[in-house]
Amino acid sequence: MDTVQSYLKACPARTVLDTLANKWNLLVLSSLRRHDGPMRFNELRRLLEGITQKSLTQTLRVLERDGLVDRAVYPTVPPRVEYAVTDLGAQVGDMFSILGDWAQEHVDEILAAREAFDNRPTPGPVR
């Protein structure tokens, strides 16, 4: 498939890109990828500061639906549920980890650029 096709509204790959571009999807996949073994819901929630229970539930459902995360339910009382990254999800998680590493490496430059932009004089009317 031509890369330009993914820019078209009707391209199925665009739905995949939409999923991957979501902040929480990125962070959940990266967390599961870096963790040694499956994780429980509350482990993920504690790890991902700021995510709500609802957002984490929705994120995990989307990732499971797309085959990026496996959900295992164990017949205990109460039921124990664990989430693990699939092979497909691990590949995406690797890319996200690279992106996260890049962000950590360049955060000071980005913050400086933002500050410079925010502090520049407001341009006057164009004549």
Protein backbone atom coordinates (compact mmCIF):
# COMPACT_ATOMS: atom_id res chain seq x y z
CA MET A 1 0.00 0.00 0.00
CA ASP A 2 1.24 3.44 -0.89
CA THR A 3 2.10 5.49 2.22
CA VAL A 4 0.11 8.42 0.83
CA GLN A 5 -3.01 6.23 0.96
CA SER A 6 -2.98 6.44 4.76
CA TYR A 7 -3.81 10.13 4.45
CA LEU A 8 -7.09 9.34 2.73
CA LYS A 9 -10.19 9.34 4.92
CA ALA A 10 -11.39 5.94 3.65
CA CYS A 11 -8.04 4.17 4.16
CA PRO A 12 -8.30 1.36 6.76
CA ALA A 13 -4.71 2.02 7.87
CA ARG A 14 -5.86 5.42 9.04
CA THR A 15 -7.98 3.79 11.75
CA VAL A 16 -4.85 2.00 12.96
CA LEU A 17 -2.92 5.27 12.98
CA ASP A 18 -5.76 6.88 14.95
CA THR A 19 -5.46 4.15 17.57
CA LEU A 20 -1.68 4.43 17.76
CA ALA A 21 -1.77 8.22 18.03
CA ASN A 22 -3.77 8.10 21.28
CA LYS A 23 -1.68 9.12 24.29
CA TRP A 24 -3.06 6.48 26.65
CA ASN A 25 -2.74 3.70 24.07
CA LEU A 26 0.90 4.64 23.62
CA LEU A 27 1.58 4.72 27.36
CA VAL A 28 -0.27 1.47 28.14
CA LEU A 29 1.51 -0.45 25.36
CA SER A 30 4.88 0.93 26.40
CA SER A 31 4.22 0.05 30.04
CA LEU A 32 3.15 -3.49 29.23
CA ARG A 33 6.12 -3.90 26.88
CA ARG A 34 8.67 -2.77 29.46
CA HIS A 35 7.11 -4.79 32.30
CA ASP A 36 8.35 -8.31 32.88
CA GLY A 37 5.16 -10.34 32.43
CA PRO A 38 1.44 -9.60 32.63
CA MET A 39 0.05 -6.74 34.69
CA ARG A 40 -3.15 -6.34 36.61
CA PHE A 41 -5.49 -3.40 36.04
CA ASN A 42 -4.58 -1.57 39.25
CA GLU A 43 -0.85 -2.06 38.62
CA LEU A 44 -1.27 -0.26 35.31
CA ARG A 45 -3.43 2.41 36.87
CA ARG A 46 -0.84 3.14 39.58
CA LEU A 47 1.94 3.23 37.01
CA LEU A 48 0.11 5.63 34.68
CA GLU A 49 -0.44 8.73 36.78
CA GLY A 50 -3.43 10.73 35.66
CA ILE A 51 -5.34 7.99 33.86
CA THR A 52 -8.87 7.46 35.10
CA GLN A 53 -10.41 4.05 35.64
CA LYS A 54 -12.77 4.71 32.73
CA SER A 55 -9.96 5.77 30.37
CA LEU A 56 -7.85 2.75 31.27
CA THR A 57 -10.80 0.40 30.76
CA GLN A 58 -11.56 1.93 27.35
CA THR A 59 -7.90 1.89 26.35
CA LEU A 60 -7.44 -1.76 27.27
CA ARG A 61 -10.60 -2.71 25.33
CA VAL A 62 -9.39 -0.92 22.21
CA LEU A 63 -5.95 -2.50 22.45
CA GLU A 64 -7.45 -5.95 23.03
CA ARG A 65 -9.84 -5.51 20.09
CA ASP A 66 -6.92 -4.58 17.84
CA GLY A 67 -4.91 -7.62 18.92
CA LEU A 68 -2.25 -5.58 20.68
CA VAL A 69 -3.09 -6.74 24.22
CA ASP A 70 -4.24 -10.09 25.63
CA ARG A 71 -6.69 -10.19 28.54
CA ALA A 72 -6.66 -13.26 30.76
CA VAL A 73 -9.40 -13.86 33.34
CA TYR A 74 -8.71 -16.40 36.10
CA PRO A 75 -11.60 -18.15 37.89
CA THR A 76 -10.86 -16.94 41.38
CA VAL A 77 -13.00 -15.04 43.87
CA PRO A 78 -12.85 -12.21 43.07
CA PRO A 79 -11.84 -12.87 39.46
CA ARG A 80 -8.23 -12.04 38.67
CA VAL A 81 -7.65 -10.27 35.35
CA GLU A 82 -4.24 -9.74 33.79
CA TYR A 83 -3.14 -7.90 30.69
CA ALA A 84 -0.13 -8.69 28.55
CA VAL A 85 1.20 -7.29 25.33
CA THR A 86 0.90 -9.56 22.28
CA ASP A 87 3.70 -10.06 19.75
CA LEU A 88 2.00 -7.49 17.53
CA GLY A 89 1.66 -5.09 20.45
CA ALA A 90 5.31 -5.65 21.39
CA GLN A 91 6.38 -4.46 17.96
CA VAL A 92 4.36 -1.27 18.40
CA GLY A 93 5.57 -0.97 21.99
CA ASP A 94 9.16 -1.07 20.74
CA MET A 95 8.44 1.88 18.44
CA PHE A 96 6.72 3.74 21.26
CA SER A 97 9.67 3.10 23.55
CA ILE A 98 11.97 4.65 20.96
CA LEU A 99 9.62 7.63 20.74
CA GLY A 100 9.51 7.92 24.54
CA ASP A 101 13.31 7.74 24.75
CA TRP A 102 13.55 10.45 22.10
CA ALA A 103 11.09 12.62 24.06
CA GLN A 104 13.15 12.21 27.26
CA GLU A 105 16.36 13.05 25.41
CA HIS A 106 14.95 16.21 23.81
CA VAL A 107 12.45 17.46 26.41
CA ASP A 108 14.68 20.39 27.45
CA GLU A 109 14.98 21.58 23.83
CA ILE A 110 11.23 21.31 23.27
CA LEU A 111 10.43 23.16 26.50
CA ALA A 112 12.91 25.91 25.58
CA ALA A 113 11.34 26.25 22.13
CA ARG A 114 7.87 26.49 23.69
CA GLU A 115 9.03 29.17 26.12
CA ALA A 116 10.69 31.15 23.33
CA PHE A 117 7.53 30.93 21.24
CA ASP A 118 5.26 31.93 24.13
CA ASN A 119 7.49 34.87 25.08
CA ARG A 120 8.03 36.35 21.64
CA PRO A 121 6.42 39.70 20.92
CA THR A 122 2.96 39.60 19.44
CA PRO A 123 3.23 40.60 15.80
CA GLY A 124 1.42 43.75 14.78
CA PRO A 125 -1.05 43.98 11.90
CA VAL A 126 0.31 43.19 8.47
CA ARG A 127 0.21 46.15 6.09
